[in-house]
Amino acid sequence: MSESNTDDLLREIGRRVASIRRERGWTQDRLATELAVSVKYVQRIEGGRENLTVRSLVKLADALGGQLQLDIETNVTAGSVQP
């Protein structure tokens, strides 16, 4: 996966998080409280500027009621990632 594809994926995750948060009627502050993180961190996630770990994604999905679904297709081989 190229860096630009990774950036696109992070932006898409951010859009989905923001959309689900709004559907739940939550503010960024409420989501930050649920995640035990700062509002700034939530803003970076929603802006696609935070390189999320798998743990962070699971925590986000749990906080959002399991609604975060991602379609990621990559093959990882010997230190490289290929679409």
C-alpha atoms as a PDB file:
ATOM      1  CA  MET A   1       0.000   0.000   0.000  1.00  0.00           C
ATOM      2  CA  SER A   2       1.548   3.286  -1.037  1.00  0.00           C
ATOM      3  CA  GLU A   3       1.789   6.247   1.309  1.00  0.00           C
ATOM      4  CA  SER A   4      -0.939   8.105  -0.593  1.00  0.00           C
ATOM      5  CA  ASN A   5      -3.230   5.055  -0.313  1.00  0.00           C
ATOM      6  CA  THR A   6      -2.502   4.937   3.414  1.00  0.00           C
ATOM      7  CA  ASP A   7      -3.354   8.635   3.707  1.00  0.00           C
ATOM      8  CA  ASP A   8      -6.595   8.027   1.805  1.00  0.00           C
ATOM      9  CA  LEU A   9      -7.464   5.165   4.155  1.00  0.00           C
ATOM     10  CA  LEU A  10      -6.796   7.287   7.240  1.00  0.00           C
ATOM     11  CA  ARG A  11      -9.017  10.061   5.842  1.00  0.00           C
ATOM     12  CA  GLU A  12     -11.777   7.543   5.119  1.00  0.00           C
ATOM     13  CA  ILE A  13     -11.542   6.138   8.651  1.00  0.00           C
ATOM     14  CA  GLY A  14     -11.757   9.677   9.996  1.00  0.00           C
ATOM     15  CA  ARG A  15     -14.847  10.430   7.903  1.00  0.00           C
ATOM     16  CA  ARG A  16     -16.529   7.239   9.101  1.00  0.00           C
ATOM     17  CA  VAL A  17     -15.693   7.910  12.740  1.00  0.00           C
ATOM     18  CA  ALA A  18     -17.065  11.463  12.500  1.00  0.00           C
ATOM     19  CA  SER A  19     -20.201  10.276  10.725  1.00  0.00           C
ATOM     20  CA  ILE A  20     -20.961   7.546  13.267  1.00  0.00           C
ATOM     21  CA  ARG A  21     -20.192   9.915  16.143  1.00  0.00           C
ATOM     22  CA  ARG A  22     -22.674  12.440  14.771  1.00  0.00           C
ATOM     23  CA  GLU A  23     -25.308   9.734  14.175  1.00  0.00           C
ATOM     24  CA  ARG A  24     -25.022   8.869  17.872  1.00  0.00           C
ATOM     25  CA  GLY A  25     -25.470  12.540  18.728  1.00  0.00           C
ATOM     26  CA  TRP A  26     -22.044  12.694  20.372  1.00  0.00           C
ATOM     27  CA  THR A  27     -19.645  15.610  20.428  1.00  0.00           C
ATOM     28  CA  GLN A  28     -15.923  15.117  19.941  1.00  0.00           C
ATOM     29  CA  ASP A  29     -15.612  15.710  23.667  1.00  0.00           C
ATOM     30  CA  ARG A  30     -17.987  12.823  24.420  1.00  0.00           C
ATOM     31  CA  LEU A  31     -16.068  10.450  22.122  1.00  0.00           C
ATOM     32  CA  ALA A  32     -12.793  11.544  23.709  1.00  0.00           C
ATOM     33  CA  THR A  33     -14.249  10.762  27.136  1.00  0.00           C
ATOM     34  CA  GLU A  34     -15.440   7.322  25.968  1.00  0.00           C
ATOM     35  CA  LEU A  35     -11.960   6.577  24.586  1.00  0.00           C
ATOM     36  CA  ALA A  36     -10.112   8.157  27.539  1.00  0.00           C
ATOM     37  CA  VAL A  37      -8.123  10.352  25.124  1.00  0.00           C
ATOM     38  CA  SER A  38      -7.899  14.077  24.417  1.00  0.00           C
ATOM     39  CA  VAL A  39     -10.283  15.954  22.138  1.00  0.00           C
ATOM     40  CA  LYS A  40      -7.214  16.894  20.074  1.00  0.00           C
ATOM     41  CA  TYR A  41      -6.581  13.173  19.427  1.00  0.00           C
ATOM     42  CA  VAL A  42     -10.190  12.683  18.263  1.00  0.00           C
ATOM     43  CA  GLN A  43      -9.795  15.711  15.979  1.00  0.00           C
ATOM     44  CA  ARG A  44      -6.635  14.190  14.480  1.00  0.00           C
ATOM     45  CA  ILE A  45      -8.436  10.870  13.915  1.00  0.00           C
ATOM     46  CA  GLU A  46     -11.411  12.540  12.243  1.00  0.00           C
ATOM     47  CA  GLY A  47      -9.089  14.696  10.165  1.00  0.00           C
ATOM     48  CA  GLY A  48      -7.202  11.627   8.921  1.00  0.00           C
ATOM     49  CA  ARG A  49      -3.996  12.848  10.533  1.00  0.00           C
ATOM     50  CA  GLU A  50      -3.557  10.094  13.131  1.00  0.00           C
ATOM     51  CA  ASN A  51      -1.780   6.863  12.181  1.00  0.00           C
ATOM     52  CA  LEU A  52      -3.986   4.453  14.100  1.00  0.00           C
ATOM     53  CA  THR A  53      -2.882   1.143  15.550  1.00  0.00           C
ATOM     54  CA  VAL A  54      -5.018  -1.979  15.458  1.00  0.00           C
ATOM     55  CA  ARG A  55      -5.620  -1.511  19.189  1.00  0.00           C
ATOM     56  CA  SER A  56      -6.855   2.028  18.558  1.00  0.00           C
ATOM     57  CA  LEU A  57      -9.194   0.817  15.820  1.00  0.00           C
ATOM     58  CA  VAL A  58     -10.654  -1.853  18.117  1.00  0.00           C
ATOM     59  CA  LYS A  59     -11.102   0.713  20.890  1.00  0.00           C
ATOM     60  CA  LEU A  60     -12.833   3.068  18.441  1.00  0.00           C
ATOM     61  CA  ALA A  61     -15.137   0.328  17.185  1.00  0.00           C
ATOM     62  CA  ASP A  62     -16.069  -0.628  20.755  1.00  0.00           C
ATOM     63  CA  ALA A  63     -16.795   2.987  21.688  1.00  0.00           C
ATOM     64  CA  LEU A  64     -18.907   3.446  18.564  1.00  0.00           C
ATOM     65  CA  GLY A  65     -20.982   0.356  19.268  1.00  0.00           C
ATOM     66  CA  GLY A  66     -19.095  -1.943  16.913  1.00  0.00           C
ATOM     67  CA  GLN A  67     -20.147   0.110  13.891  1.00  0.00           C
ATOM     68  CA  LEU A  68     -16.729   0.812  12.398  1.00  0.00           C
ATOM     69  CA  GLN A  69     -16.265  -1.402   9.344  1.00  0.00           C
ATOM     70  CA  LEU A  70     -13.187  -1.236   7.138  1.00  0.00           C
ATOM     71  CA  ASP A  71     -12.454  -2.848   3.803  1.00  0.00           C
ATOM     72  CA  ILE A  72      -8.693  -3.301   3.585  1.00  0.00           C
ATOM     73  CA  GLU A  73      -7.012  -5.552   1.060  1.00  0.00           C
ATOM     74  CA  THR A  74      -3.257  -5.902   1.269  1.00  0.00           C
ATOM     75  CA  ASN A  75      -0.658  -8.628   1.123  1.00  0.00           C
ATOM     76  CA  VAL A  76       2.229  -8.333   3.553  1.00  0.00           C
ATOM     77  CA  THR A  77       5.430 -10.065   2.517  1.00  0.00           C
ATOM     78  CA  ALA A  78       8.961  -9.829   3.917  1.00  0.00           C
ATOM     79  CA  GLY A  79       8.755  -6.244   5.122  1.00  0.00           C
ATOM     80  CA  SER A  80       6.758  -4.871   2.198  1.00  0.00           C
ATOM     81  CA  VAL A  81       3.068  -4.284   1.738  1.00  0.00           C
ATOM     82  CA  GLN A  82       1.486  -4.865  -1.650  1.00  0.00           C
ATOM     83  CA  PRO A  83      -2.126  -4.162  -2.724  1.00  0.00           C
END
